[in-house]
């Protein structure tokens, strides 16, 4: 315990870096709690190291409490907005160029299925396509293949 008290700023900075590493590398910035705590520990350790704050456990506790709360209030919305950004750009893959012959009629309702890679995919088409027609997959969604006649 004496080692921690004698080297409190360094211990706080090390704990802050460890919390930041866990938040970023292990949790993938999904919780933010360790981010706020890690930044708070790091800032408190730096302020103690430069004699801005008193070098004591009580000061460390109160400083981290206030800084963690302040960081959470200030950074919560911007970080939450960053998480909500999703990429809507369609990906092109070889899977989308799959061709096969229809066993049944296909329309935009998705009542027909096609077994591919162990999954029964629902087939949809903008224009109705008759059974026996050669088709190509142009778009895929979760459980759905959009096809066009070749």
C-alpha atoms as a PDB file:
ATOM      1  CA  UNK A   1       0.000   0.000   0.000  1.00  0.00           C
ATOM      2  CA  UNK A   2       2.901   2.354   0.692  1.00  0.00           C
ATOM      3  CA  UNK A   3       4.139   1.856  -2.855  1.00  0.00           C
ATOM      4  CA  UNK A   4       0.772   2.982  -4.255  1.00  0.00           C
ATOM      5  CA  UNK A   5       0.587   6.038  -1.978  1.00  0.00           C
ATOM      6  CA  UNK A   6       4.200   7.037  -2.694  1.00  0.00           C
ATOM      7  CA  UNK A   7       3.705   6.702  -6.454  1.00  0.00           C
ATOM      8  CA  UNK A   8       0.037   7.685  -6.710  1.00  0.00           C
ATOM      9  CA  UNK A   9       0.266   9.847  -9.879  1.00  0.00           C
ATOM     10  CA  UNK A  10       2.097   7.115 -11.797  1.00  0.00           C
ATOM     11  CA  UNK A  11      -0.286   4.406 -10.553  1.00  0.00           C
ATOM     12  CA  UNK A  12      -3.300   6.486 -11.613  1.00  0.00           C
ATOM     13  CA  UNK A  13      -1.829   7.104 -15.074  1.00  0.00           C
ATOM     14  CA  UNK A  14      -1.046   3.385 -15.529  1.00  0.00           C
ATOM     15  CA  UNK A  15      -4.572   2.418 -14.443  1.00  0.00           C
ATOM     16  CA  UNK A  16      -5.972   5.044 -16.834  1.00  0.00           C
ATOM     17  CA  UNK A  17      -4.000   3.672 -19.776  1.00  0.00           C
ATOM     18  CA  UNK A  18      -5.066   0.099 -18.889  1.00  0.00           C
ATOM     19  CA  UNK A  19      -8.743   1.183 -18.751  1.00  0.00           C
ATOM     20  CA  UNK A  20      -8.410   2.913 -22.137  1.00  0.00           C
ATOM     21  CA  UNK A  21      -6.755  -0.145 -23.687  1.00  0.00           C
ATOM     22  CA  UNK A  22      -9.504  -2.425 -22.391  1.00  0.00           C
ATOM     23  CA  UNK A  23     -12.226  -0.071 -23.659  1.00  0.00           C
ATOM     24  CA  UNK A  24     -10.736   0.301 -27.127  1.00  0.00           C
ATOM     25  CA  UNK A  25      -9.096  -3.077 -27.783  1.00  0.00           C
ATOM     26  CA  UNK A  26     -11.334  -5.483 -25.884  1.00  0.00           C
ATOM     27  CA  UNK A  27     -14.733  -3.784 -25.807  1.00  0.00           C
ATOM     28  CA  UNK A  28     -14.400  -1.901 -29.104  1.00  0.00           C
ATOM     29  CA  UNK A  29     -15.659   1.423 -27.716  1.00  0.00           C
ATOM     30  CA  UNK A  30     -19.039  -0.117 -26.967  1.00  0.00           C
ATOM     31  CA  UNK A  31     -19.570   0.977 -23.349  1.00  0.00           C
ATOM     32  CA  UNK A  32     -17.757   4.334 -22.948  1.00  0.00           C
ATOM     33  CA  UNK A  33     -17.645   3.830 -19.163  1.00  0.00           C
ATOM     34  CA  UNK A  34     -14.032   2.722 -19.162  1.00  0.00           C
ATOM     35  CA  UNK A  35     -13.221   5.491 -21.626  1.00  0.00           C
ATOM     36  CA  UNK A  36     -14.482   8.152 -19.218  1.00  0.00           C
ATOM     37  CA  UNK A  37     -12.815   6.477 -16.234  1.00  0.00           C
ATOM     38  CA  UNK A  38      -9.522   5.984 -18.106  1.00  0.00           C
ATOM     39  CA  UNK A  39      -9.397   9.610 -19.236  1.00  0.00           C
ATOM     40  CA  UNK A  40     -10.247  10.726 -15.703  1.00  0.00           C
ATOM     41  CA  UNK A  41      -7.510   8.581 -14.137  1.00  0.00           C
ATOM     42  CA  UNK A  42      -4.991   9.787 -16.683  1.00  0.00           C
ATOM     43  CA  UNK A  43      -5.912  13.464 -16.170  1.00  0.00           C
ATOM     44  CA  UNK A  44      -5.839  13.148 -12.379  1.00  0.00           C
ATOM     45  CA  UNK A  45      -2.449  11.431 -12.477  1.00  0.00           C
ATOM     46  CA  UNK A  46      -1.048  14.155 -14.725  1.00  0.00           C
ATOM     47  CA  UNK A  47      -2.438  16.941 -12.544  1.00  0.00           C
ATOM     48  CA  UNK A  48      -0.925  15.290  -9.450  1.00  0.00           C
ATOM     49  CA  UNK A  49       2.371  14.785 -11.266  1.00  0.00           C
ATOM     50  CA  UNK A  50       2.560  18.529 -12.080  1.00  0.00           C
ATOM     51  CA  UNK A  51       1.444  19.481  -8.517  1.00  0.00           C
ATOM     52  CA  UNK A  52      -1.848  20.992  -9.651  1.00  0.00           C
ATOM     53  CA  UNK A  53      -3.683  18.603  -7.303  1.00  0.00           C
ATOM     54  CA  UNK A  54      -2.600  17.363  -3.886  1.00  0.00           C
ATOM     55  CA  UNK A  55      -1.003  13.922  -3.920  1.00  0.00           C
ATOM     56  CA  UNK A  56      -3.506  11.997  -1.728  1.00  0.00           C
ATOM     57  CA  UNK A  57      -6.024   9.188  -2.064  1.00  0.00           C
ATOM     58  CA  UNK A  58      -8.923  11.457  -1.066  1.00  0.00           C
ATOM     59  CA  UNK A  59      -8.025  13.975  -3.769  1.00  0.00           C
ATOM     60  CA  UNK A  60      -7.661  11.151  -6.305  1.00  0.00           C
ATOM     61  CA  UNK A  61     -11.091   9.760  -5.394  1.00  0.00           C
ATOM     62  CA  UNK A  62     -12.894  13.108  -5.624  1.00  0.00           C
ATOM     63  CA  UNK A  63     -11.040  14.224  -8.730  1.00  0.00           C
ATOM     64  CA  UNK A  64     -11.872  10.985 -10.555  1.00  0.00           C
ATOM     65  CA  UNK A  65     -15.495  11.127  -9.465  1.00  0.00           C
ATOM     66  CA  UNK A  66     -15.953  14.689 -10.709  1.00  0.00           C
ATOM     67  CA  UNK A  67     -13.916  14.225 -13.910  1.00  0.00           C
ATOM     68  CA  UNK A  68     -15.630  10.949 -14.851  1.00  0.00           C
ATOM     69  CA  UNK A  69     -19.067  12.535 -14.410  1.00  0.00           C
ATOM     70  CA  UNK A  70     -18.045  15.672 -16.323  1.00  0.00           C
ATOM     71  CA  UNK A  71     -16.553  13.667 -19.192  1.00  0.00           C
ATOM     72  CA  UNK A  72     -19.690  11.526 -19.369  1.00  0.00           C
ATOM     73  CA  UNK A  73     -21.938  14.591 -19.566  1.00  0.00           C
ATOM     74  CA  UNK A  74     -19.791  16.332 -22.182  1.00  0.00           C
ATOM     75  CA  UNK A  75     -18.827  13.375 -24.395  1.00  0.00           C
ATOM     76  CA  UNK A  76     -21.871  11.069 -24.221  1.00  0.00           C
ATOM     77  CA  UNK A  77     -23.895  12.533 -27.109  1.00  0.00           C
ATOM     78  CA  UNK A  78     -21.008  13.024 -29.563  1.00  0.00           C
ATOM     79  CA  UNK A  79     -19.721   9.509 -28.944  1.00  0.00           C
ATOM     80  CA  UNK A  80     -23.220   8.032 -29.213  1.00  0.00           C
ATOM     81  CA  UNK A  81     -23.664   9.816 -32.563  1.00  0.00           C
ATOM     82  CA  UNK A  82     -20.391   8.298 -33.756  1.00  0.00           C
ATOM     83  CA  UNK A  83     -21.681   4.828 -32.933  1.00  0.00           C
ATOM     84  CA  UNK A  84     -24.935   5.357 -34.829  1.00  0.00           C
ATOM     85  CA  UNK A  85     -23.278   6.190 -38.153  1.00  0.00           C
ATOM     86  CA  UNK A  86     -23.706   3.206 -40.435  1.00  0.00           C
ATOM     87  CA  UNK A  87     -22.456   2.658 -43.939  1.00  0.00           C
ATOM     88  CA  UNK A  88     -25.370   2.267 -46.349  1.00  0.00           C
ATOM     89  CA  UNK A  89     -23.167   1.698 -49.410  1.00  0.00           C
ATOM     90  CA  UNK A  90     -23.907  -1.637 -51.059  1.00  0.00           C
ATOM     91  CA  UNK A  91     -21.067  -4.089 -51.222  1.00  0.00           C
ATOM     92  CA  UNK A  92     -20.310  -5.907 -54.431  1.00  0.00           C
ATOM     93  CA  UNK A  93     -19.360  -9.548 -54.062  1.00  0.00           C
ATOM     94  CA  UNK A  94     -19.117 -12.683 -56.183  1.00  0.00           C
ATOM     95  CA  UNK A  95     -22.190 -13.979 -54.377  1.00  0.00           C
ATOM     96  CA  UNK A  96     -24.296 -11.348 -56.157  1.00  0.00           C
ATOM     97  CA  UNK A  97     -23.383 -12.797 -59.568  1.00  0.00           C
ATOM     98  CA  UNK A  98     -24.767 -16.257 -58.830  1.00  0.00           C
ATOM     99  CA  UNK A  99     -26.872 -17.706 -61.674  1.00  0.00           C
ATOM    100  CA  UNK A 100     -29.365 -20.572 -61.591  1.00  0.00           C
ATOM    101  CA  UNK A 101     -32.615 -21.819 -63.135  1.00  0.00           C
ATOM    102  CA  UNK A 102     -35.904 -21.153 -61.348  1.00  0.00           C
ATOM    103  CA  UNK A 103     -37.986 -24.096 -60.142  1.00  0.00           C
ATOM    104  CA  UNK A 104     -41.092 -21.943 -59.593  1.00  0.00           C
ATOM    105  CA  UNK A 105     -42.479 -18.536 -60.564  1.00  0.00           C
ATOM    106  CA  UNK A 106     -40.922 -15.535 -58.783  1.00  0.00           C
ATOM    107  CA  UNK A 107     -42.438 -12.120 -58.053  1.00  0.00           C
ATOM    108  CA  UNK A 108     -41.942  -9.321 -55.524  1.00  0.00           C
ATOM    109  CA  UNK A 109     -43.779 -11.147 -52.712  1.00  0.00           C
ATOM    110  CA  UNK A 110     -40.908 -13.568 -51.980  1.00  0.00           C
ATOM    111  CA  UNK A 111     -43.006 -16.748 -51.816  1.00  0.00           C
ATOM    112  CA  UNK A 112     -40.475 -18.849 -53.788  1.00  0.00           C
ATOM    113  CA  UNK A 113     -37.325 -20.213 -52.163  1.00  0.00           C
ATOM    114  CA  UNK A 114     -33.972 -21.400 -53.471  1.00  0.00           C
ATOM    115  CA  UNK A 115     -31.588 -23.619 -51.515  1.00  0.00           C
ATOM    116  CA  UNK A 116     -28.033 -22.272 -51.655  1.00  0.00           C
ATOM    117  CA  UNK A 117     -25.163 -23.043 -49.305  1.00  0.00           C
ATOM    118  CA  UNK A 118     -27.439 -24.853 -46.872  1.00  0.00           C
ATOM    119  CA  UNK A 119     -29.910 -21.977 -46.566  1.00  0.00           C
ATOM    120  CA  UNK A 120     -33.356 -21.629 -48.110  1.00  0.00           C
ATOM    121  CA  UNK A 121     -33.308 -18.128 -49.562  1.00  0.00           C
ATOM    122  CA  UNK A 122     -36.514 -16.309 -50.449  1.00  0.00           C
ATOM    123  CA  UNK A 123     -36.456 -15.128 -54.056  1.00  0.00           C
ATOM    124  CA  UNK A 124     -37.837 -11.762 -55.104  1.00  0.00           C
ATOM    125  CA  UNK A 125     -37.964  -9.943 -58.415  1.00  0.00           C
ATOM    126  CA  UNK A 126     -39.277  -6.558 -59.470  1.00  0.00           C
ATOM    127  CA  UNK A 127     -40.770  -8.112 -62.639  1.00  0.00           C
ATOM    128  CA  UNK A 128     -42.542 -11.498 -62.433  1.00  0.00           C
ATOM    129  CA  UNK A 129     -40.340 -14.313 -63.804  1.00  0.00           C
ATOM    130  CA  UNK A 130     -41.669 -17.712 -64.947  1.00  0.00           C
ATOM    131  CA  UNK A 131     -40.358 -21.070 -63.754  1.00  0.00           C
ATOM    132  CA  UNK A 132     -37.554 -22.542 -65.872  1.00  0.00           C
ATOM    133  CA  UNK A 133     -35.984 -19.143 -66.569  1.00  0.00           C
ATOM    134  CA  UNK A 134     -32.255 -18.617 -66.056  1.00  0.00           C
ATOM    135  CA  UNK A 135     -31.772 -15.840 -63.450  1.00  0.00           C
ATOM    136  CA  UNK A 136     -28.918 -13.921 -61.861  1.00  0.00           C
ATOM    137  CA  UNK A 137     -28.769 -12.552 -58.317  1.00  0.00           C
ATOM    138  CA  UNK A 138     -28.396  -8.763 -58.436  1.00  0.00           C
ATOM    139  CA  UNK A 139     -28.923  -7.889 -54.797  1.00  0.00           C
ATOM    140  CA  UNK A 140     -29.011  -9.665 -51.486  1.00  0.00           C
ATOM    141  CA  UNK A 141     -30.655  -8.859 -48.178  1.00  0.00           C
ATOM    142  CA  UNK A 142     -30.999 -10.876 -45.009  1.00  0.00           C
ATOM    143  CA  UNK A 143     -32.502 -14.162 -46.192  1.00  0.00           C
ATOM    144  CA  UNK A 144     -33.570 -12.691 -49.561  1.00  0.00           C
ATOM    145  CA  UNK A 145     -32.050 -12.842 -53.043  1.00  0.00           C
ATOM    146  CA  UNK A 146     -33.256 -10.337 -55.635  1.00  0.00           C
ATOM    147  CA  UNK A 147     -33.028 -11.845 -59.125  1.00  0.00           C
ATOM    148  CA  UNK A 148     -33.435 -10.791 -62.756  1.00  0.00           C
ATOM    149  CA  UNK A 149     -33.885 -12.893 -65.847  1.00  0.00           C
ATOM    150  CA  UNK A 150     -30.756 -13.317 -67.974  1.00  0.00           C
END
